[in-house]
Amino acid sequence: METILDKIIAKKSETIEALYKRKDELKTIVQSNEKRSLLNKMKQADVLSVIAEFKRASPSKGDINVEKDPTEQAKMYELYGADAISVLTDTPFFKGSYEDLAKVREAVNLPILCKDFIVDKIQIDFAKAYGADLVLLIAAALEDEKLHELYTHATKLGLEVLLEVHNEEELDRALKTDAPLIGVNNRNLKTFEVTLETTEKLAAKIKESGRYMVSESGISTFEDILKVTSCGANAVLVGETFMKATDLESKIKEMKVSLRAEIK
C-alpha cells in the first residue's frame, strides 16, 4: 500500500525537474557567506535548544496557518529566544517555498534549517543559495548510497546536516555517517502516527555514539519537554504548536529548560 511518504517522494520528481530548469538562478543569487552554526550553539548550550519552525500546512494536519508572514514570524521566534529556525520549502504538501527560506534568512541572525524531502543534489544547491545553514536528510526516504552522496554534497557546500531517523534500523544507518546531529522524528512518516516513545527508544544509542539529538514532532507541552530532555535530547524542533500559539513568547520560554550535566 502506498504511504504518505511514498506520495511525497513520488511528487518530488516534478519539483526536481522544475529546479533543474531554474538552475541558472543559482548563478545570480547573492547570499551572505556568514556561517551560522546550530551545532556550535548546541555544544555550548546549558539549556535545551529550540528550533522553531515556519510551517504553513502539512499532509496530516492540513492548513495550519497559511496566511502567516515568514518575516514577521521569524522575527518573533528570534525575539522570544529560539536558537534556530526551520523553514518548510516543499510546496505541494506543505505550501512552503525557497522564497520563504530567503525571507527568513534576511529577517534574523539565527541558523536556518531547510526542511524538505531531499532526494537530489539540486535541492541542496537551492537550499544553500536561498540562505540555509543546515539541510534535513531523511533516512526513511533515502537508500544508503544516496544518503551518503547527499550528506557529502551538503557538507562540501559548508552546510550542516540534520539526519532524521524514526526507528532503530534507520538509526543504525545514520550512525554509519559522520553526522553529529541526529533528529528523531516522533512522527512515523509512513503512517503519520506520533508518539514520543520514539525518542525514548532511540535516545540511549544516540547518546552513546556521542551525537547530538534533536527530538522532532509531537511536542507541545511542558510535560513533553521534560520527557524528551530526561532521556537526553539536546534540542527540540517545534512547528504546529508555535504556528498556532496565542502566547508565543511563553510557549518558547517554557521549553528552554536546563540540561542536566550528564546529558549536555
C-alpha atoms as a PDB file:
ATOM      1  CA  MET A   1       0.000   0.000   0.000  1.00  0.00           C
ATOM      2  CA  GLU A   2       1.328   3.448  -0.914  1.00  0.00           C
ATOM      3  CA  THR A   3       2.221   5.504   2.155  1.00  0.00           C
ATOM      4  CA  ILE A   4       2.119   9.283   2.592  1.00  0.00           C
ATOM      5  CA  LEU A   5       5.913   9.293   2.366  1.00  0.00           C
ATOM      6  CA  ASP A   6       5.720   7.397  -0.940  1.00  0.00           C
ATOM      7  CA  LYS A   7       3.328  10.010  -2.326  1.00  0.00           C
ATOM      8  CA  ILE A   8       5.556  12.898  -1.246  1.00  0.00           C
ATOM      9  CA  ILE A   9       8.699  11.329  -2.719  1.00  0.00           C
ATOM     10  CA  ALA A  10       6.923  10.478  -5.965  1.00  0.00           C
ATOM     11  CA  LYS A  11       5.842  14.102  -6.329  1.00  0.00           C
ATOM     12  CA  LYS A  12       9.434  15.257  -5.783  1.00  0.00           C
ATOM     13  CA  SER A  13      10.390  14.190  -9.309  1.00  0.00           C
ATOM     14  CA  GLU A  14       8.280  17.069 -10.630  1.00  0.00           C
ATOM     15  CA  THR A  15       9.869  19.507  -8.183  1.00  0.00           C
ATOM     16  CA  ILE A  16      13.374  18.397  -9.125  1.00  0.00           C
ATOM     17  CA  GLU A  17      12.659  18.686 -12.836  1.00  0.00           C
ATOM     18  CA  ALA A  18      11.442  22.250 -12.255  1.00  0.00           C
ATOM     19  CA  LEU A  19      14.544  23.115 -10.206  1.00  0.00           C
ATOM     20  CA  TYR A  20      16.887  21.938 -12.955  1.00  0.00           C
ATOM     21  CA  LYS A  21      15.050  24.245 -15.356  1.00  0.00           C
ATOM     22  CA  ARG A  22      15.738  27.091 -12.889  1.00  0.00           C
ATOM     23  CA  LYS A  23      19.387  26.127 -12.385  1.00  0.00           C
ATOM     24  CA  ASP A  24      20.688  29.357 -13.913  1.00  0.00           C
ATOM     25  CA  GLU A  25      19.167  31.207 -10.933  1.00  0.00           C
ATOM     26  CA  LEU A  26      21.913  29.768  -8.772  1.00  0.00           C
ATOM     27  CA  LYS A  27      24.487  31.909 -10.608  1.00  0.00           C
ATOM     28  CA  THR A  28      22.643  35.143  -9.903  1.00  0.00           C
ATOM     29  CA  ILE A  29      21.512  34.696  -6.288  1.00  0.00           C
ATOM     30  CA  VAL A  30      23.832  36.593  -3.963  1.00  0.00           C
ATOM     31  CA  GLN A  31      23.693  35.181  -0.456  1.00  0.00           C
ATOM     32  CA  SER A  32      25.688  36.105   2.627  1.00  0.00           C
ATOM     33  CA  ASN A  33      28.586  33.755   3.337  1.00  0.00           C
ATOM     34  CA  GLU A  34      28.222  34.319   7.067  1.00  0.00           C
ATOM     35  CA  LYS A  35      28.239  30.904   8.681  1.00  0.00           C
ATOM     36  CA  ARG A  36      25.656  30.308  11.388  1.00  0.00           C
ATOM     37  CA  SER A  37      26.248  27.024  13.154  1.00  0.00           C
ATOM     38  CA  LEU A  38      23.497  25.306  15.094  1.00  0.00           C
ATOM     39  CA  LEU A  39      25.935  22.590  16.126  1.00  0.00           C
ATOM     40  CA  ASN A  40      28.262  25.104  17.778  1.00  0.00           C
ATOM     41  CA  LYS A  41      25.339  26.679  19.625  1.00  0.00           C
ATOM     42  CA  MET A  42      24.247  23.282  20.899  1.00  0.00           C
ATOM     43  CA  LYS A  43      27.770  22.399  22.037  1.00  0.00           C
ATOM     44  CA  GLN A  44      27.838  25.498  24.219  1.00  0.00           C
ATOM     45  CA  ALA A  45      24.253  25.307  25.473  1.00  0.00           C
ATOM     46  CA  ASP A  46      23.286  24.619  29.065  1.00  0.00           C
ATOM     47  CA  VAL A  47      19.572  24.805  28.242  1.00  0.00           C
ATOM     48  CA  LEU A  48      17.501  22.946  25.691  1.00  0.00           C
ATOM     49  CA  SER A  49      17.908  24.385  22.192  1.00  0.00           C
ATOM     50  CA  VAL A  50      14.669  25.252  20.420  1.00  0.00           C
ATOM     51  CA  ILE A  51      14.333  25.024  16.637  1.00  0.00           C
ATOM     52  CA  ALA A  52      11.185  26.952  15.777  1.00  0.00           C
ATOM     53  CA  GLU A  53       9.554  26.008  12.504  1.00  0.00           C
ATOM     54  CA  PHE A  54       7.750  28.097   9.916  1.00  0.00           C
ATOM     55  CA  LYS A  55       5.113  25.683   8.655  1.00  0.00           C
ATOM     56  CA  ARG A  56       2.022  26.727   6.722  1.00  0.00           C
ATOM     57  CA  ALA A  57       0.418  23.286   6.297  1.00  0.00           C
ATOM     58  CA  SER A  58       1.084  19.545   6.429  1.00  0.00           C
ATOM     59  CA  PRO A  59      -0.402  16.345   4.978  1.00  0.00           C
ATOM     60  CA  SER A  60      -1.518  15.190   8.425  1.00  0.00           C
ATOM     61  CA  LYS A  61      -2.977  18.471   9.701  1.00  0.00           C
ATOM     62  CA  GLY A  62      -3.986  20.280   6.512  1.00  0.00           C
ATOM     63  CA  ASP A  63      -3.757  24.068   6.674  1.00  0.00           C
ATOM     64  CA  ILE A  64      -2.114  25.258   9.897  1.00  0.00           C
ATOM     65  CA  ASN A  65      -1.605  28.966   9.321  1.00  0.00           C
ATOM     66  CA  VAL A  66      -1.307  29.702   5.609  1.00  0.00           C
ATOM     67  CA  GLU A  67      -1.580  33.479   5.924  1.00  0.00           C
ATOM     68  CA  LYS A  68       1.289  33.861   8.384  1.00  0.00           C
ATOM     69  CA  ASP A  69       4.112  36.085   7.135  1.00  0.00           C
ATOM     70  CA  PRO A  70       7.527  34.357   7.310  1.00  0.00           C
ATOM     71  CA  THR A  71       9.423  37.577   8.054  1.00  0.00           C
ATOM     72  CA  GLU A  72       7.138  38.525  10.939  1.00  0.00           C
ATOM     73  CA  GLN A  73       7.089  35.019  12.398  1.00  0.00           C
ATOM     74  CA  ALA A  74      10.859  34.625  12.150  1.00  0.00           C
ATOM     75  CA  LYS A  75      11.455  37.915  13.949  1.00  0.00           C
ATOM     76  CA  MET A  76       9.165  36.814  16.778  1.00  0.00           C
ATOM     77  CA  TYR A  77      10.940  33.464  17.008  1.00  0.00           C
ATOM     78  CA  GLU A  78      14.282  35.236  17.396  1.00  0.00           C
ATOM     79  CA  LEU A  79      12.918  37.831  19.831  1.00  0.00           C
ATOM     80  CA  TYR A  80      11.424  35.196  22.117  1.00  0.00           C
ATOM     81  CA  GLY A  81      14.541  33.044  22.316  1.00  0.00           C
ATOM     82  CA  ALA A  82      14.534  30.421  19.559  1.00  0.00           C
ATOM     83  CA  ASP A  83      18.004  29.078  18.748  1.00  0.00           C
ATOM     84  CA  ALA A  84      17.344  28.293  15.088  1.00  0.00           C
ATOM     85  CA  ILE A  85      14.517  28.426  12.575  1.00  0.00           C
ATOM     86  CA  SER A  86      13.309  25.599  10.355  1.00  0.00           C
ATOM     87  CA  VAL A  87      11.577  26.532   7.111  1.00  0.00           C
ATOM     88  CA  LEU A  88       9.471  24.100   5.085  1.00  0.00           C
ATOM     89  CA  THR A  89      10.276  24.520   1.392  1.00  0.00           C
ATOM     90  CA  ASP A  90       8.029  21.773  -0.002  1.00  0.00           C
ATOM     91  CA  THR A  91       5.165  23.342  -1.971  1.00  0.00           C
ATOM     92  CA  PRO A  92       2.681  20.573  -2.897  1.00  0.00           C
ATOM     93  CA  PHE A  93       2.204  19.167   0.609  1.00  0.00           C
ATOM     94  CA  PHE A  94       3.400  21.927   2.976  1.00  0.00           C
ATOM     95  CA  LYS A  95       2.764  25.122   0.948  1.00  0.00           C
ATOM     96  CA  GLY A  96       6.339  26.286   1.539  1.00  0.00           C
ATOM     97  CA  SER A  97       8.973  27.697  -0.817  1.00  0.00           C
ATOM     98  CA  TYR A  98      12.608  28.701  -1.151  1.00  0.00           C
ATOM     99  CA  GLU A  99      11.346  32.266  -1.158  1.00  0.00           C
ATOM    100  CA  ASP A 100      10.092  31.707   2.402  1.00  0.00           C
ATOM    101  CA  LEU A 101      13.587  30.495   3.263  1.00  0.00           C
ATOM    102  CA  ALA A 102      15.205  33.621   1.819  1.00  0.00           C
ATOM    103  CA  LYS A 103      12.819  35.927   3.692  1.00  0.00           C
ATOM    104  CA  VAL A 104      13.587  34.219   6.988  1.00  0.00           C
ATOM    105  CA  ARG A 105      17.339  34.391   6.317  1.00  0.00           C
ATOM    106  CA  GLU A 106      17.100  38.139   5.765  1.00  0.00           C
ATOM    107  CA  ALA A 107      14.918  38.702   8.824  1.00  0.00           C
ATOM    108  CA  VAL A 108      17.049  37.104  11.545  1.00  0.00           C
ATOM    109  CA  ASN A 109      20.579  36.221  12.626  1.00  0.00           C
ATOM    110  CA  LEU A 110      19.814  32.633  13.632  1.00  0.00           C
ATOM    111  CA  PRO A 111      20.871  29.405  11.905  1.00  0.00           C
ATOM    112  CA  ILE A 112      18.306  28.424   9.255  1.00  0.00           C
ATOM    113  CA  LEU A 113      17.307  24.835   8.508  1.00  0.00           C
ATOM    114  CA  CYS A 114      15.885  23.993   5.096  1.00  0.00           C
ATOM    115  CA  LYS A 115      13.331  21.295   5.864  1.00  0.00           C
ATOM    116  CA  ASP A 116      12.263  19.299   2.858  1.00  0.00           C
ATOM    117  CA  PHE A 117      12.225  15.800   1.434  1.00  0.00           C
ATOM    118  CA  ILE A 118      15.625  15.998  -0.222  1.00  0.00           C
ATOM    119  CA  VAL A 119      16.412  13.307  -2.773  1.00  0.00           C
ATOM    120  CA  ASP A 120      18.632  15.192  -5.246  1.00  0.00           C
ATOM    121  CA  LYS A 121      21.701  17.443  -5.034  1.00  0.00           C
ATOM    122  CA  ILE A 122      19.874  20.264  -6.822  1.00  0.00           C
ATOM    123  CA  GLN A 123      17.616  20.716  -3.786  1.00  0.00           C
ATOM    124  CA  ILE A 124      20.678  21.199  -1.584  1.00  0.00           C
ATOM    125  CA  ASP A 125      22.117  23.701  -4.083  1.00  0.00           C
ATOM    126  CA  PHE A 126      18.915  25.756  -3.923  1.00  0.00           C
ATOM    127  CA  ALA A 127      18.770  25.484  -0.140  1.00  0.00           C
ATOM    128  CA  LYS A 128      22.303  26.876   0.089  1.00  0.00           C
ATOM    129  CA  ALA A 129      21.619  29.633  -2.450  1.00  0.00           C
ATOM    130  CA  TYR A 130      18.465  30.793  -0.672  1.00  0.00           C
ATOM    131  CA  GLY A 131      20.128  31.023   2.725  1.00  0.00           C
ATOM    132  CA  ALA A 132      20.102  27.688   4.548  1.00  0.00           C
ATOM    133  CA  ASP A 133      22.795  26.873   7.097  1.00  0.00           C
ATOM    134  CA  LEU A 134      21.524  23.326   7.544  1.00  0.00           C
ATOM    135  CA  VAL A 135      19.558  20.829   5.499  1.00  0.00           C
ATOM    136  CA  LEU A 136      17.419  17.903   6.576  1.00  0.00           C
ATOM    137  CA  LEU A 137      18.180  14.442   5.216  1.00  0.00           C
ATOM    138  CA  ILE A 138      15.581  11.765   5.972  1.00  0.00           C
ATOM    139  CA  ALA A 139      16.869   8.203   6.293  1.00  0.00           C
ATOM    140  CA  ALA A 140      13.424   6.763   5.505  1.00  0.00           C
ATOM    141  CA  ALA A 141      13.459   8.485   2.113  1.00  0.00           C
ATOM    142  CA  LEU A 142      16.970   7.506   1.026  1.00  0.00           C
ATOM    143  CA  GLU A 143      18.957   4.356   0.299  1.00  0.00           C
ATOM    144  CA  ASP A 144      22.403   4.228   1.885  1.00  0.00           C
ATOM    145  CA  GLU A 145      24.325   5.210  -1.244  1.00  0.00           C
ATOM    146  CA  LYS A 146      22.117   8.227  -1.897  1.00  0.00           C
ATOM    147  CA  LEU A 147      22.167   9.223   1.775  1.00  0.00           C
ATOM    148  CA  HIS A 148      25.975   9.297   1.826  1.00  0.00           C
ATOM    149  CA  GLU A 149      26.097  11.104  -1.525  1.00  0.00           C
ATOM    150  CA  LEU A 150      23.764  13.876  -0.365  1.00  0.00           C
ATOM    151  CA  TYR A 151      25.437  14.151   3.043  1.00  0.00           C
ATOM    152  CA  THR A 152      28.834  14.581   1.366  1.00  0.00           C
ATOM    153  CA  HIS A 153      27.456  17.150  -1.088  1.00  0.00           C
ATOM    154  CA  ALA A 154      25.879  19.215   1.685  1.00  0.00           C
ATOM    155  CA  THR A 155      28.976  19.247   3.879  1.00  0.00           C
ATOM    156  CA  LYS A 156      31.206  20.178   0.932  1.00  0.00           C
ATOM    157  CA  LEU A 157      28.986  23.241   0.462  1.00  0.00           C
ATOM    158  CA  GLY A 158      29.586  24.158   4.095  1.00  0.00           C
ATOM    159  CA  LEU A 159      26.135  23.130   5.268  1.00  0.00           C
ATOM    160  CA  GLU A 160      25.391  21.237   8.453  1.00  0.00           C
ATOM    161  CA  VAL A 161      23.085  18.230   8.196  1.00  0.00           C
ATOM    162  CA  LEU A 162      20.279  17.185  10.493  1.00  0.00           C
ATOM    163  CA  LEU A 163      19.986  13.474   9.761  1.00  0.00           C
ATOM    164  CA  GLU A 164      16.498  12.259  10.621  1.00  0.00           C
ATOM    165  CA  VAL A 165      15.501   8.768  11.758  1.00  0.00           C
ATOM    166  CA  HIS A 166      12.390   7.261  13.284  1.00  0.00           C
ATOM    167  CA  ASN A 167      13.346   3.672  14.093  1.00  0.00           C
ATOM    168  CA  GLU A 168      16.392   1.647  15.122  1.00  0.00           C
ATOM    169  CA  GLU A 169      17.203   0.354  11.644  1.00  0.00           C
ATOM    170  CA  GLU A 170      17.346   3.925  10.310  1.00  0.00           C
ATOM    171  CA  LEU A 171      19.411   4.992  13.304  1.00  0.00           C
ATOM    172  CA  ASP A 172      21.974   2.268  12.644  1.00  0.00           C
ATOM    173  CA  ARG A 173      22.280   3.522   9.074  1.00  0.00           C
ATOM    174  CA  ALA A 174      22.599   7.132  10.236  1.00  0.00           C
ATOM    175  CA  LEU A 175      25.357   6.268  12.682  1.00  0.00           C
ATOM    176  CA  LYS A 176      27.449   4.938   9.789  1.00  0.00           C
ATOM    177  CA  THR A 177      27.790   8.540   8.629  1.00  0.00           C
ATOM    178  CA  ASP A 178      29.737  11.283  10.360  1.00  0.00           C
ATOM    179  CA  ALA A 179      26.593  13.326  11.033  1.00  0.00           C
ATOM    180  CA  PRO A 180      26.869  14.881  14.512  1.00  0.00           C
ATOM    181  CA  LEU A 181      23.202  15.976  14.534  1.00  0.00           C
ATOM    182  CA  ILE A 182      20.635  13.187  14.685  1.00  0.00           C
ATOM    183  CA  GLY A 183      16.966  14.098  14.507  1.00  0.00           C
ATOM    184  CA  VAL A 184      14.431  11.672  15.940  1.00  0.00           C
ATOM    185  CA  ASN A 185      11.079  12.174  14.266  1.00  0.00           C
ATOM    186  CA  ASN A 186       8.328  11.101  16.627  1.00  0.00           C
ATOM    187  CA  ARG A 187       6.020  11.020  13.620  1.00  0.00           C
ATOM    188  CA  ASN A 188       6.125   7.831  11.567  1.00  0.00           C
ATOM    189  CA  LEU A 189       6.436   9.203   8.024  1.00  0.00           C
ATOM    190  CA  LYS A 190       4.663   6.192   6.575  1.00  0.00           C
ATOM    191  CA  THR A 191       1.594   6.296   8.817  1.00  0.00           C
ATOM    192  CA  PHE A 192       1.978   9.835  10.262  1.00  0.00           C
ATOM    193  CA  GLU A 193       1.199   8.496  13.737  1.00  0.00           C
ATOM    194  CA  VAL A 194       3.029  10.346  16.532  1.00  0.00           C
ATOM    195  CA  THR A 195       4.489   9.076  19.804  1.00  0.00           C
ATOM    196  CA  LEU A 196       7.281  10.449  21.984  1.00  0.00           C
ATOM    197  CA  GLU A 197       8.224   6.860  22.778  1.00  0.00           C
ATOM    198  CA  THR A 198      10.241   7.002  19.565  1.00  0.00           C
ATOM    199  CA  THR A 199      12.679   9.456  21.154  1.00  0.00           C
ATOM    200  CA  GLU A 200      12.755   7.394  24.343  1.00  0.00           C
ATOM    201  CA  LYS A 201      13.568   4.192  22.444  1.00  0.00           C
ATOM    202  CA  LEU A 202      16.407   5.631  20.363  1.00  0.00           C
ATOM    203  CA  ALA A 203      17.961   8.072  22.825  1.00  0.00           C
ATOM    204  CA  ALA A 204      20.434   5.773  24.560  1.00  0.00           C
ATOM    205  CA  LYS A 205      22.141   4.637  21.369  1.00  0.00           C
ATOM    206  CA  ILE A 206      22.389   8.203  20.071  1.00  0.00           C
ATOM    207  CA  LYS A 207      23.907   9.485  23.318  1.00  0.00           C
ATOM    208  CA  GLU A 208      26.339   6.551  23.467  1.00  0.00           C
ATOM    209  CA  SER A 209      27.538   7.483  19.982  1.00  0.00           C
ATOM    210  CA  GLY A 210      28.409  10.993  21.129  1.00  0.00           C
ATOM    211  CA  ARG A 211      25.989  12.650  18.696  1.00  0.00           C
ATOM    212  CA  TYR A 212      23.607  15.491  19.488  1.00  0.00           C
ATOM    213  CA  MET A 213      19.922  14.591  19.499  1.00  0.00           C
ATOM    214  CA  VAL A 214      17.019  16.683  18.230  1.00  0.00           C
ATOM    215  CA  SER A 215      13.532  15.445  19.091  1.00  0.00           C
ATOM    216  CA  GLU A 216      11.036  16.373  16.366  1.00  0.00           C
ATOM    217  CA  SER A 217       7.226  16.339  16.118  1.00  0.00           C
ATOM    218  CA  GLY A 218       4.508  15.861  18.704  1.00  0.00           C
ATOM    219  CA  ILE A 219       5.994  18.303  21.203  1.00  0.00           C
ATOM    220  CA  SER A 220       3.534  20.845  22.566  1.00  0.00           C
ATOM    221  CA  THR A 221       3.519  20.821  26.381  1.00  0.00           C
ATOM    222  CA  PHE A 222       5.978  21.312  29.230  1.00  0.00           C
ATOM    223  CA  GLU A 223       5.455  17.648  30.093  1.00  0.00           C
ATOM    224  CA  ASP A 224       6.563  16.693  26.571  1.00  0.00           C
ATOM    225  CA  ILE A 225       9.712  18.758  27.039  1.00  0.00           C
ATOM    226  CA  LEU A 226      10.529  17.048  30.330  1.00  0.00           C
ATOM    227  CA  LYS A 227      10.004  13.652  28.737  1.00  0.00           C
ATOM    228  CA  VAL A 228      12.441  14.193  25.856  1.00  0.00           C
ATOM    229  CA  THR A 229      15.078  16.021  27.911  1.00  0.00           C
ATOM    230  CA  SER A 230      15.023  13.329  30.584  1.00  0.00           C
ATOM    231  CA  CYS A 231      16.270  10.821  28.034  1.00  0.00           C
ATOM    232  CA  GLY A 232      18.887  13.114  26.564  1.00  0.00           C
ATOM    233  CA  ALA A 233      17.501  15.440  23.895  1.00  0.00           C
ATOM    234  CA  ASN A 234      19.744  18.439  23.260  1.00  0.00           C
ATOM    235  CA  ALA A 235      17.136  20.222  21.162  1.00  0.00           C
ATOM    236  CA  VAL A 236      13.536  20.091  20.015  1.00  0.00           C
ATOM    237  CA  LEU A 237      12.012  21.062  16.701  1.00  0.00           C
ATOM    238  CA  VAL A 238       8.527  22.524  17.084  1.00  0.00           C
ATOM    239  CA  GLY A 239       6.250  23.726  14.300  1.00  0.00           C
ATOM    240  CA  GLU A 240       2.475  23.479  14.606  1.00  0.00           C
ATOM    241  CA  THR A 241       2.439  24.422  18.308  1.00  0.00           C
ATOM    242  CA  PHE A 242       4.300  27.666  17.604  1.00  0.00           C
ATOM    243  CA  MET A 243       2.392  28.491  14.425  1.00  0.00           C
ATOM    244  CA  LYS A 244      -0.903  28.283  16.352  1.00  0.00           C
ATOM    245  CA  ALA A 245       0.260  29.766  19.659  1.00  0.00           C
ATOM    246  CA  THR A 246      -1.699  32.696  21.068  1.00  0.00           C
ATOM    247  CA  ASP A 247       1.144  33.450  23.506  1.00  0.00           C
ATOM    248  CA  LEU A 248       4.244  32.540  21.508  1.00  0.00           C
ATOM    249  CA  GLU A 249       6.675  34.128  23.952  1.00  0.00           C
ATOM    250  CA  SER A 250       5.500  31.995  26.870  1.00  0.00           C
ATOM    251  CA  LYS A 251       5.394  28.859  24.732  1.00  0.00           C
ATOM    252  CA  ILE A 252       9.000  29.197  23.621  1.00  0.00           C
ATOM    253  CA  LYS A 253      10.277  30.206  27.054  1.00  0.00           C
ATOM    254  CA  GLU A 254       8.696  27.225  28.792  1.00  0.00           C
ATOM    255  CA  MET A 255      10.725  24.949  26.533  1.00  0.00           C
ATOM    256  CA  LYS A 256      14.080  26.479  27.466  1.00  0.00           C
ATOM    257  CA  VAL A 257      14.683  24.059  30.326  1.00  0.00           C
ATOM    258  CA  SER A 258      18.077  23.385  31.852  1.00  0.00           C
ATOM    259  CA  LEU A 259      20.021  20.419  30.596  1.00  0.00           C
ATOM    260  CA  ARG A 260      21.489  18.229  33.307  1.00  0.00           C
ATOM    261  CA  ALA A 261      25.250  17.939  33.121  1.00  0.00           C
ATOM    262  CA  GLU A 262      25.128  14.276  32.203  1.00  0.00           C
ATOM    263  CA  ILE A 263      23.001  14.888  29.107  1.00  0.00           C
ATOM    264  CA  LYS A 264      24.691  18.016  27.801  1.00  0.00           C
END
